[in-house]
Structure formats: C-alpha cells, structure tokens
Amino acid sequence: MSQEMRGKAKKLKGRGKEAVGIIAGDSKLEQEGARERAEGAAQEGLGRARRKAGELVEKIGAAIKK
C-alpha cells in the first residue's frame, strides 16, 4: 500500500474516532482522533508529493530517451 493510501486510511480512522468521541462526550478520544486525522493528512500529502515527484522523473527520463 502506498504512503498516500496509508495516509488516507489513517485520516479516515481518525475522523471516525473523532466523531465517536464527540458523540460519546469523550474529549480524550476526540483529541486522539483529531491528532490521527492530522497525521493522516500529512502522510497523505507527503505520499502525493512523492508520487508526483516520481511521475516527473519518469517524464524527464522519457523525454531524454526521445
């Protein structure tokens, strides 16, 4: 699984925990979910940047071969 996909999964898991924390009135669970969501968003962004950089390197390599 790519880093981008792991980030999306972590963000979704965090969003779920945050929602359960809000509904249950559990501020600790809510905060944990918000932290996980933020970590997931950062991981997803890093994964997206790595993917885009890889795509760029492939395009440059293809252009050089022509």
C-alpha atoms as a PDB file:
ATOM      1  CA  MET A   1       0.000   0.000   0.000  1.00  0.00           C
ATOM      2  CA  SER A   2       1.364   3.402  -0.910  1.00  0.00           C
ATOM      3  CA  GLN A   3       2.133   6.066   1.642  1.00  0.00           C
ATOM      4  CA  GLU A   4      -0.639   8.176   0.154  1.00  0.00           C
ATOM      5  CA  MET A   5      -3.197   5.403   0.687  1.00  0.00           C
ATOM      6  CA  ARG A   6      -1.963   4.699   4.231  1.00  0.00           C
ATOM      7  CA  GLY A   7      -2.397   8.409   4.977  1.00  0.00           C
ATOM      8  CA  LYS A   8      -5.949   8.389   3.637  1.00  0.00           C
ATOM      9  CA  ALA A   9      -6.760   5.335   5.766  1.00  0.00           C
ATOM     10  CA  LYS A  10      -5.266   6.935   8.886  1.00  0.00           C
ATOM     11  CA  LYS A  11      -7.156  10.156   8.208  1.00  0.00           C
ATOM     12  CA  LEU A  12     -10.424   8.236   7.857  1.00  0.00           C
ATOM     13  CA  LYS A  13      -9.749   6.244  11.043  1.00  0.00           C
ATOM     14  CA  GLY A  14      -9.011   9.481  12.901  1.00  0.00           C
ATOM     15  CA  ARG A  15     -12.166  11.094  11.593  1.00  0.00           C
ATOM     16  CA  GLY A  16     -14.157   8.122  12.899  1.00  0.00           C
ATOM     17  CA  LYS A  17     -12.545   8.270  16.334  1.00  0.00           C
ATOM     18  CA  GLU A  18     -13.117  11.992  16.486  1.00  0.00           C
ATOM     19  CA  ALA A  19     -16.806  11.578  15.636  1.00  0.00           C
ATOM     20  CA  VAL A  20     -17.272   8.824  18.214  1.00  0.00           C
ATOM     21  CA  GLY A  21     -15.515  10.996  20.795  1.00  0.00           C
ATOM     22  CA  ILE A  22     -17.853  13.901  20.056  1.00  0.00           C
ATOM     23  CA  ILE A  23     -20.970  11.724  20.225  1.00  0.00           C
ATOM     24  CA  ALA A  24     -19.834   9.924  23.393  1.00  0.00           C
ATOM     25  CA  GLY A  25     -18.633  13.117  25.045  1.00  0.00           C
ATOM     26  CA  ASP A  26     -15.139  11.616  25.370  1.00  0.00           C
ATOM     27  CA  SER A  27     -12.755  14.530  24.814  1.00  0.00           C
ATOM     28  CA  LYS A  28      -9.683  12.275  25.035  1.00  0.00           C
ATOM     29  CA  LEU A  29     -10.950  10.072  22.180  1.00  0.00           C
ATOM     30  CA  GLU A  30     -11.959  13.184  20.231  1.00  0.00           C
ATOM     31  CA  GLN A  31      -8.463  14.659  20.596  1.00  0.00           C
ATOM     32  CA  GLU A  32      -6.827  11.341  19.686  1.00  0.00           C
ATOM     33  CA  GLY A  33      -8.987  11.181  16.558  1.00  0.00           C
ATOM     34  CA  ALA A  34      -8.145  14.765  15.606  1.00  0.00           C
ATOM     35  CA  ARG A  35      -4.431  14.018  16.027  1.00  0.00           C
ATOM     36  CA  GLU A  36      -4.685  10.856  13.907  1.00  0.00           C
ATOM     37  CA  ARG A  37      -6.638  12.742  11.244  1.00  0.00           C
ATOM     38  CA  ALA A  38      -3.963  15.435  11.090  1.00  0.00           C
ATOM     39  CA  GLU A  39      -1.164  12.847  10.940  1.00  0.00           C
ATOM     40  CA  GLY A  40      -3.014  11.039   8.164  1.00  0.00           C
ATOM     41  CA  ALA A  41      -3.459  14.237   6.190  1.00  0.00           C
ATOM     42  CA  ALA A  42       0.258  14.991   6.481  1.00  0.00           C
ATOM     43  CA  GLN A  43       1.187  11.445   5.469  1.00  0.00           C
ATOM     44  CA  GLU A  44      -1.216  11.602   2.525  1.00  0.00           C
ATOM     45  CA  GLY A  45       0.295  14.912   1.394  1.00  0.00           C
ATOM     46  CA  LEU A  46       3.826  13.532   1.627  1.00  0.00           C
ATOM     47  CA  GLY A  47       2.790  10.451  -0.325  1.00  0.00           C
ATOM     48  CA  ARG A  48       1.156  12.597  -3.003  1.00  0.00           C
ATOM     49  CA  ALA A  49       4.299  14.736  -3.288  1.00  0.00           C
ATOM     50  CA  ARG A  50       6.478  11.618  -3.616  1.00  0.00           C
ATOM     51  CA  ARG A  51       4.176  10.217  -6.302  1.00  0.00           C
ATOM     52  CA  LYS A  52       4.202  13.485  -8.244  1.00  0.00           C
ATOM     53  CA  ALA A  53       7.996  13.675  -8.000  1.00  0.00           C
ATOM     54  CA  GLY A  54       8.249  10.118  -9.314  1.00  0.00           C
ATOM     55  CA  GLU A  55       5.933  10.923 -12.195  1.00  0.00           C
ATOM     56  CA  LEU A  56       8.052  13.956 -13.040  1.00  0.00           C
ATOM     57  CA  VAL A  57      11.256  11.900 -13.015  1.00  0.00           C
ATOM     58  CA  GLU A  58       9.618   9.350 -15.349  1.00  0.00           C
ATOM     59  CA  LYS A  59       8.530  12.123 -17.748  1.00  0.00           C
ATOM     60  CA  ILE A  60      12.019  13.609 -17.759  1.00  0.00           C
ATOM     61  CA  GLY A  61      13.520  10.169 -18.386  1.00  0.00           C
ATOM     62  CA  ALA A  62      11.111   9.562 -21.267  1.00  0.00           C
ATOM     63  CA  ALA A  63      11.915  12.973 -22.758  1.00  0.00           C
ATOM     64  CA  ILE A  64      15.649  12.282 -22.559  1.00  0.00           C
ATOM     65  CA  LYS A  65      15.253   8.933 -24.336  1.00  0.00           C
ATOM     66  CA  LYS A  66      13.500  10.604 -27.312  1.00  0.00           C
END
